[in-house]
Amino acid sequence: MKLSLKPAVAALVLAAPSFAFAAEFEIDSAHSGAQFSVKHMMVSNVRGAFSKVTGKANIDEKDITKSIVEATVDVSTVNTNEPKRDEHLRSPDFFDVAKYPTMTFKSTKVEQAGQNLKVTGDLTLHGVTKPVVLDVEGFTTESKDPWGNTKRGGVATTKINRKDFGLGWNKVLETGGVAVGEEVAITLDLELNKKQAPAPAAGAPAKPAPAKAAKDTK
């Protein structure tokens, strides 16, 4: 009796994980960055940036909600265009970069929100991990740069309370209020490079055929 393998093969295909359709991208650090804004002296906003962002995104082409995003920010690269303030931000009063050199984000859920996305994930900052939600514009459709690299991009925004992450330093003002606001607005500008599939390994060179022994004619 012949057994048909077609139903079994079909079942395996249907059961295959969705990442079979996912494309892997890496964050292009040279064209990506993280910015923040916080209230200063209750009267203005101070803006700063982190210049080194790395990470990856597995973007599911069939179901975007099954995509995964991970990002790491080098906190020591903080820059607010004021060296003394940047030195203070790197100190134990704030980021304590000697002890906590990076902050990381790892997605746990991706939801469609109209033309945009809501990406929920775990943000780890100053040794504390809390869930946050990023509002994401993108990821854009694929395009190619002049050198043949496949690109996508997106802009992610969120707000956090810095005290939730142990960044509690402040000064009370004589006129009321505090020197540094608690709410921090964060923006991530991300440009992604599609990972190229590895080239197939070249076959091993064929071994030369053994030389035939000459016949003894003597």
C-alpha atoms as a PDB file:
ATOM      1  CA  MET A   1       0.000   0.000   0.000  1.00  0.00           C
ATOM      2  CA  LYS A   2       1.383   3.426  -0.993  1.00  0.00           C
ATOM      3  CA  LEU A   3       1.454   6.194   1.594  1.00  0.00           C
ATOM      4  CA  SER A   4       1.081   9.786   0.417  1.00  0.00           C
ATOM      5  CA  LEU A   5       3.470  12.291   2.011  1.00  0.00           C
ATOM      6  CA  LYS A   6       1.568  15.329   0.718  1.00  0.00           C
ATOM      7  CA  PRO A   7      -0.681  15.826   3.796  1.00  0.00           C
ATOM      8  CA  ALA A   8       2.303  15.546   6.131  1.00  0.00           C
ATOM      9  CA  VAL A   9       4.331  18.034   4.088  1.00  0.00           C
ATOM     10  CA  ALA A  10       1.400  20.459   4.019  1.00  0.00           C
ATOM     11  CA  ALA A  11       1.023  20.195   7.792  1.00  0.00           C
ATOM     12  CA  LEU A  12       4.704  20.979   8.298  1.00  0.00           C
ATOM     13  CA  VAL A  13       4.470  24.030   6.046  1.00  0.00           C
ATOM     14  CA  LEU A  14       1.425  25.350   7.910  1.00  0.00           C
ATOM     15  CA  ALA A  15       3.100  24.741  11.247  1.00  0.00           C
ATOM     16  CA  ALA A  16       6.339  26.473  10.224  1.00  0.00           C
ATOM     17  CA  PRO A  17       7.093  29.531  12.369  1.00  0.00           C
ATOM     18  CA  SER A  18       6.263  32.931  10.940  1.00  0.00           C
ATOM     19  CA  PHE A  19       9.902  33.995  11.025  1.00  0.00           C
ATOM     20  CA  ALA A  20      10.322  32.008   7.842  1.00  0.00           C
ATOM     21  CA  PHE A  21       8.991  35.165   6.196  1.00  0.00           C
ATOM     22  CA  ALA A  22      11.025  37.562   8.352  1.00  0.00           C
ATOM     23  CA  ALA A  23      13.797  39.699   6.927  1.00  0.00           C
ATOM     24  CA  GLU A  24      16.698  40.499   9.237  1.00  0.00           C
ATOM     25  CA  PHE A  25      17.950  44.074   9.421  1.00  0.00           C
ATOM     26  CA  GLU A  26      20.763  45.688  11.388  1.00  0.00           C
ATOM     27  CA  ILE A  27      20.674  49.259  12.715  1.00  0.00           C
ATOM     28  CA  ASP A  28      22.981  51.488  10.685  1.00  0.00           C
ATOM     29  CA  SER A  29      24.801  53.321  13.504  1.00  0.00           C
ATOM     30  CA  ALA A  30      26.222  55.935  11.149  1.00  0.00           C
ATOM     31  CA  HIS A  31      22.710  57.092  10.207  1.00  0.00           C
ATOM     32  CA  SER A  32      20.785  56.461  13.436  1.00  0.00           C
ATOM     33  CA  GLY A  33      20.566  58.199  16.785  1.00  0.00           C
ATOM     34  CA  ALA A  34      18.629  58.683  20.019  1.00  0.00           C
ATOM     35  CA  GLN A  35      17.509  62.091  21.251  1.00  0.00           C
ATOM     36  CA  PHE A  36      15.857  63.248  24.466  1.00  0.00           C
ATOM     37  CA  SER A  37      14.246  66.387  25.851  1.00  0.00           C
ATOM     38  CA  VAL A  38      13.659  67.356  29.501  1.00  0.00           C
ATOM     39  CA  LYS A  39      12.328  70.480  31.218  1.00  0.00           C
ATOM     40  CA  HIS A  40      14.985  72.751  32.764  1.00  0.00           C
ATOM     41  CA  MET A  41      14.300  75.238  35.574  1.00  0.00           C
ATOM     42  CA  MET A  42      10.572  74.887  34.812  1.00  0.00           C
ATOM     43  CA  VAL A  43      10.947  77.386  31.957  1.00  0.00           C
ATOM     44  CA  SER A  44      12.625  75.702  28.964  1.00  0.00           C
ATOM     45  CA  ASN A  45      13.613  72.363  27.435  1.00  0.00           C
ATOM     46  CA  VAL A  46      17.140  71.008  27.274  1.00  0.00           C
ATOM     47  CA  ARG A  47      17.774  68.599  24.420  1.00  0.00           C
ATOM     48  CA  GLY A  48      20.483  66.021  24.105  1.00  0.00           C
ATOM     49  CA  ALA A  49      21.470  63.014  22.035  1.00  0.00           C
ATOM     50  CA  PHE A  50      23.296  59.698  22.127  1.00  0.00           C
ATOM     51  CA  SER A  51      25.398  59.171  19.038  1.00  0.00           C
ATOM     52  CA  LYS A  52      25.855  55.386  19.083  1.00  0.00           C
ATOM     53  CA  VAL A  53      22.838  53.138  18.593  1.00  0.00           C
ATOM     54  CA  THR A  54      23.169  49.475  17.594  1.00  0.00           C
ATOM     55  CA  GLY A  55      20.734  46.595  17.279  1.00  0.00           C
ATOM     56  CA  LYS A  56      18.585  44.617  14.901  1.00  0.00           C
ATOM     57  CA  ALA A  57      15.042  44.121  13.664  1.00  0.00           C
ATOM     58  CA  ASN A  58      13.435  40.983  12.294  1.00  0.00           C
ATOM     59  CA  ILE A  59      10.608  42.347  10.161  1.00  0.00           C
ATOM     60  CA  ASP A  60       7.919  39.828   9.264  1.00  0.00           C
ATOM     61  CA  GLU A  61       6.765  40.632   5.753  1.00  0.00           C
ATOM     62  CA  LYS A  62       3.515  38.639   6.057  1.00  0.00           C
ATOM     63  CA  ASP A  63       2.497  39.768   9.553  1.00  0.00           C
ATOM     64  CA  ILE A  64       4.205  42.896  10.880  1.00  0.00           C
ATOM     65  CA  THR A  65       2.889  42.178  14.407  1.00  0.00           C
ATOM     66  CA  LYS A  66       5.247  39.178  14.591  1.00  0.00           C
ATOM     67  CA  SER A  67       8.301  41.383  14.076  1.00  0.00           C
ATOM     68  CA  ILE A  68      11.011  41.788  16.717  1.00  0.00           C
ATOM     69  CA  VAL A  69      13.148  44.845  17.520  1.00  0.00           C
ATOM     70  CA  GLU A  70      16.203  45.168  19.762  1.00  0.00           C
ATOM     71  CA  ALA A  71      18.312  48.297  20.299  1.00  0.00           C
ATOM     72  CA  THR A  72      21.286  49.227  22.462  1.00  0.00           C
ATOM     73  CA  VAL A  73      22.338  52.814  23.209  1.00  0.00           C
ATOM     74  CA  ASP A  74      25.851  53.696  24.373  1.00  0.00           C
ATOM     75  CA  VAL A  75      25.003  56.081  27.230  1.00  0.00           C
ATOM     76  CA  SER A  76      28.572  57.402  27.450  1.00  0.00           C
ATOM     77  CA  THR A  77      28.013  59.183  24.105  1.00  0.00           C
ATOM     78  CA  VAL A  78      25.506  61.611  25.679  1.00  0.00           C
ATOM     79  CA  ASN A  79      25.879  65.120  24.262  1.00  0.00           C
ATOM     80  CA  THR A  80      23.897  68.230  25.263  1.00  0.00           C
ATOM     81  CA  ASN A  81      26.434  70.688  23.781  1.00  0.00           C
ATOM     82  CA  GLU A  82      27.615  71.618  27.283  1.00  0.00           C
ATOM     83  CA  PRO A  83      30.678  69.589  28.429  1.00  0.00           C
ATOM     84  CA  LYS A  84      30.216  70.201  32.165  1.00  0.00           C
ATOM     85  CA  ARG A  85      26.567  69.143  32.007  1.00  0.00           C
ATOM     86  CA  ASP A  86      27.487  66.057  29.979  1.00  0.00           C
ATOM     87  CA  GLU A  87      30.099  65.146  32.602  1.00  0.00           C
ATOM     88  CA  HIS A  88      27.428  65.477  35.311  1.00  0.00           C
ATOM     89  CA  LEU A  89      25.019  63.294  33.305  1.00  0.00           C
ATOM     90  CA  ARG A  90      27.674  60.559  33.079  1.00  0.00           C
ATOM     91  CA  SER A  91      28.267  60.691  36.844  1.00  0.00           C
ATOM     92  CA  PRO A  92      26.539  58.580  39.555  1.00  0.00           C
ATOM     93  CA  ASP A  93      24.015  61.431  40.008  1.00  0.00           C
ATOM     94  CA  PHE A  94      22.440  60.418  36.694  1.00  0.00           C
ATOM     95  CA  PHE A  95      23.445  57.658  34.252  1.00  0.00           C
ATOM     96  CA  ASP A  96      26.491  56.381  36.175  1.00  0.00           C
ATOM     97  CA  VAL A  97      28.062  55.183  32.929  1.00  0.00           C
ATOM     98  CA  ALA A  98      30.986  53.478  34.687  1.00  0.00           C
ATOM     99  CA  LYS A  99      28.466  51.036  36.177  1.00  0.00           C
ATOM    100  CA  TYR A 100      25.698  51.121  33.541  1.00  0.00           C
ATOM    101  CA  PRO A 101      27.326  51.883  30.163  1.00  0.00           C
ATOM    102  CA  THR A 102      24.293  51.069  28.004  1.00  0.00           C
ATOM    103  CA  MET A 103      20.538  51.191  27.919  1.00  0.00           C
ATOM    104  CA  THR A 104      18.634  48.565  25.963  1.00  0.00           C
ATOM    105  CA  PHE A 105      15.191  48.002  24.485  1.00  0.00           C
ATOM    106  CA  LYS A 106      13.754  44.581  23.587  1.00  0.00           C
ATOM    107  CA  SER A 107      10.301  44.366  22.062  1.00  0.00           C
ATOM    108  CA  THR A 108       7.671  42.035  23.511  1.00  0.00           C
ATOM    109  CA  LYS A 109       4.660  42.984  21.347  1.00  0.00           C
ATOM    110  CA  VAL A 110       4.056  44.796  18.064  1.00  0.00           C
ATOM    111  CA  GLU A 111       0.603  46.179  17.213  1.00  0.00           C
ATOM    112  CA  GLN A 112      -0.727  47.917  14.128  1.00  0.00           C
ATOM    113  CA  ALA A 113      -2.009  51.442  14.850  1.00  0.00           C
ATOM    114  CA  GLY A 114      -3.459  52.763  11.595  1.00  0.00           C
ATOM    115  CA  GLN A 115      -0.514  53.417   9.289  1.00  0.00           C
ATOM    116  CA  ASN A 116       1.896  53.253  12.239  1.00  0.00           C
ATOM    117  CA  LEU A 117       2.891  50.770  14.944  1.00  0.00           C
ATOM    118  CA  LYS A 118       2.852  50.520  18.712  1.00  0.00           C
ATOM    119  CA  VAL A 119       5.827  48.528  19.943  1.00  0.00           C
ATOM    120  CA  THR A 120       5.761  47.407  23.572  1.00  0.00           C
ATOM    121  CA  GLY A 121       9.000  46.264  25.128  1.00  0.00           C
ATOM    122  CA  ASP A 122      11.368  46.230  28.080  1.00  0.00           C
ATOM    123  CA  LEU A 123      13.585  49.287  28.533  1.00  0.00           C
ATOM    124  CA  THR A 124      16.609  48.740  30.757  1.00  0.00           C
ATOM    125  CA  LEU A 125      18.226  51.950  31.999  1.00  0.00           C
ATOM    126  CA  HIS A 126      20.475  52.555  35.005  1.00  0.00           C
ATOM    127  CA  GLY A 127      20.081  48.893  35.972  1.00  0.00           C
ATOM    128  CA  VAL A 128      16.266  49.085  36.091  1.00  0.00           C
ATOM    129  CA  THR A 129      13.947  47.344  33.598  1.00  0.00           C
ATOM    130  CA  LYS A 130      10.446  48.732  32.953  1.00  0.00           C
ATOM    131  CA  PRO A 131       7.903  48.195  30.164  1.00  0.00           C
ATOM    132  CA  VAL A 132       7.449  51.103  27.747  1.00  0.00           C
ATOM    133  CA  VAL A 133       5.444  51.640  24.567  1.00  0.00           C
ATOM    134  CA  LEU A 134       7.057  53.167  21.481  1.00  0.00           C
ATOM    135  CA  ASP A 135       4.944  54.948  18.876  1.00  0.00           C
ATOM    136  CA  VAL A 136       6.615  54.042  15.590  1.00  0.00           C
ATOM    137  CA  GLU A 137       6.257  55.749  12.219  1.00  0.00           C
ATOM    138  CA  GLY A 138       7.395  53.162   9.679  1.00  0.00           C
ATOM    139  CA  PHE A 139       9.068  50.901   9.018  1.00  0.00           C
ATOM    140  CA  THR A 140       9.275  52.330   5.521  1.00  0.00           C
ATOM    141  CA  THR A 141       9.131  50.182   2.422  1.00  0.00           C
ATOM    142  CA  GLU A 142      12.449  48.807   1.224  1.00  0.00           C
ATOM    143  CA  SER A 143      14.689  50.958  -0.950  1.00  0.00           C
ATOM    144  CA  LYS A 144      18.241  50.587  -2.261  1.00  0.00           C
ATOM    145  CA  ASP A 145      21.086  53.031  -1.816  1.00  0.00           C
ATOM    146  CA  PRO A 146      23.617  53.730  -4.614  1.00  0.00           C
ATOM    147  CA  TRP A 147      25.852  50.928  -3.314  1.00  0.00           C
ATOM    148  CA  GLY A 148      23.163  48.238  -3.514  1.00  0.00           C
ATOM    149  CA  ASN A 149      22.290  48.067   0.196  1.00  0.00           C
ATOM    150  CA  THR A 150      18.617  47.455   0.982  1.00  0.00           C
ATOM    151  CA  LYS A 151      17.309  50.033   3.476  1.00  0.00           C
ATOM    152  CA  ARG A 152      14.312  50.634   5.697  1.00  0.00           C
ATOM    153  CA  GLY A 153      13.742  53.280   8.347  1.00  0.00           C
ATOM    154  CA  GLY A 154      11.507  54.344  11.197  1.00  0.00           C
ATOM    155  CA  VAL A 155      11.025  56.969  13.910  1.00  0.00           C
ATOM    156  CA  ALA A 156      10.063  55.828  17.415  1.00  0.00           C
ATOM    157  CA  THR A 157       8.925  58.125  20.242  1.00  0.00           C
ATOM    158  CA  THR A 158       8.003  57.602  23.888  1.00  0.00           C
ATOM    159  CA  LYS A 159       7.985  59.344  27.275  1.00  0.00           C
ATOM    160  CA  ILE A 160       9.312  58.030  30.567  1.00  0.00           C
ATOM    161  CA  ASN A 161       9.598  59.262  34.141  1.00  0.00           C
ATOM    162  CA  ARG A 162      13.308  59.243  34.908  1.00  0.00           C
ATOM    163  CA  LYS A 163      12.670  58.577  38.608  1.00  0.00           C
ATOM    164  CA  ASP A 164      11.161  55.205  37.658  1.00  0.00           C
ATOM    165  CA  PHE A 165      14.671  54.238  36.538  1.00  0.00           C
ATOM    166  CA  GLY A 166      16.484  55.545  39.610  1.00  0.00           C
ATOM    167  CA  LEU A 167      17.555  58.854  38.040  1.00  0.00           C
ATOM    168  CA  GLY A 168      16.318  60.963  40.921  1.00  0.00           C
ATOM    169  CA  TRP A 169      18.885  63.766  41.283  1.00  0.00           C
ATOM    170  CA  ASN A 170      17.344  67.250  41.523  1.00  0.00           C
ATOM    171  CA  LYS A 171      17.521  70.689  43.141  1.00  0.00           C
ATOM    172  CA  VAL A 172      14.561  72.562  44.589  1.00  0.00           C
ATOM    173  CA  LEU A 173      14.254  76.132  43.302  1.00  0.00           C
ATOM    174  CA  GLU A 174      13.719  79.070  45.654  1.00  0.00           C
ATOM    175  CA  THR A 175      10.816  80.210  43.490  1.00  0.00           C
ATOM    176  CA  GLY A 176       9.207  76.765  43.596  1.00  0.00           C
ATOM    177  CA  GLY A 177       9.576  73.759  41.369  1.00  0.00           C
ATOM    178  CA  VAL A 178      12.741  71.846  40.573  1.00  0.00           C
ATOM    179  CA  ALA A 179      15.796  72.290  38.376  1.00  0.00           C
ATOM    180  CA  VAL A 180      15.215  69.197  36.232  1.00  0.00           C
ATOM    181  CA  GLY A 181      11.855  67.850  35.096  1.00  0.00           C
ATOM    182  CA  GLU A 182      10.924  64.235  35.749  1.00  0.00           C
ATOM    183  CA  GLU A 183       9.318  63.489  32.361  1.00  0.00           C
ATOM    184  CA  VAL A 184      11.738  62.751  29.529  1.00  0.00           C
ATOM    185  CA  ALA A 185      10.670  62.657  25.881  1.00  0.00           C
ATOM    186  CA  ILE A 186      12.696  60.193  23.800  1.00  0.00           C
ATOM    187  CA  THR A 187      13.024  59.930  20.011  1.00  0.00           C
ATOM    188  CA  LEU A 188      14.821  57.167  18.099  1.00  0.00           C
ATOM    189  CA  ASP A 189      15.699  57.783  14.450  1.00  0.00           C
ATOM    190  CA  LEU A 190      16.587  54.437  12.935  1.00  0.00           C
ATOM    191  CA  GLU A 191      17.999  53.513   9.549  1.00  0.00           C
ATOM    192  CA  LEU A 192      18.235  49.791   8.891  1.00  0.00           C
ATOM    193  CA  ASN A 193      20.398  47.703   6.569  1.00  0.00           C
ATOM    194  CA  LYS A 194      19.051  44.379   5.332  1.00  0.00           C
ATOM    195  CA  LYS A 195      21.378  41.512   6.120  1.00  0.00           C
ATOM    196  CA  GLN A 196      22.624  39.808   3.022  1.00  0.00           C
ATOM    197  CA  ALA A 197      22.172  36.064   2.760  1.00  0.00           C
ATOM    198  CA  PRO A 198      25.540  34.313   3.077  1.00  0.00           C
ATOM    199  CA  ALA A 199      27.045  33.292  -0.219  1.00  0.00           C
ATOM    200  CA  PRO A 200      26.936  29.529  -0.849  1.00  0.00           C
ATOM    201  CA  ALA A 201      30.145  27.826   0.120  1.00  0.00           C
ATOM    202  CA  ALA A 202      32.336  27.026  -2.830  1.00  0.00           C
ATOM    203  CA  GLY A 203      32.634  23.313  -3.520  1.00  0.00           C
ATOM    204  CA  ALA A 204      35.864  21.632  -2.592  1.00  0.00           C
ATOM    205  CA  PRO A 205      38.249  21.348  -5.544  1.00  0.00           C
ATOM    206  CA  ALA A 206      38.089  17.988  -7.255  1.00  0.00           C
ATOM    207  CA  LYS A 207      40.914  15.659  -6.377  1.00  0.00           C
ATOM    208  CA  PRO A 208      43.166  14.824  -9.337  1.00  0.00           C
ATOM    209  CA  ALA A 209      42.710  11.313 -10.621  1.00  0.00           C
ATOM    210  CA  PRO A 210      45.508   9.009  -9.515  1.00  0.00           C
ATOM    211  CA  ALA A 211      48.155   8.475 -12.178  1.00  0.00           C
ATOM    212  CA  LYS A 212      48.064   5.097 -13.848  1.00  0.00           C
ATOM    213  CA  ALA A 213      51.050   2.972 -13.168  1.00  0.00           C
ATOM    214  CA  ALA A 214      53.155   2.384 -16.267  1.00  0.00           C
ATOM    215  CA  LYS A 215      53.165  -1.200 -17.489  1.00  0.00           C
ATOM    216  CA  ASP A 216      56.410  -3.079 -17.095  1.00  0.00           C
ATOM    217  CA  THR A 217      57.419  -3.959 -20.641  1.00  0.00           C
ATOM    218  CA  LYS A 218      60.529  -5.829 -19.652  1.00  0.00           C
END
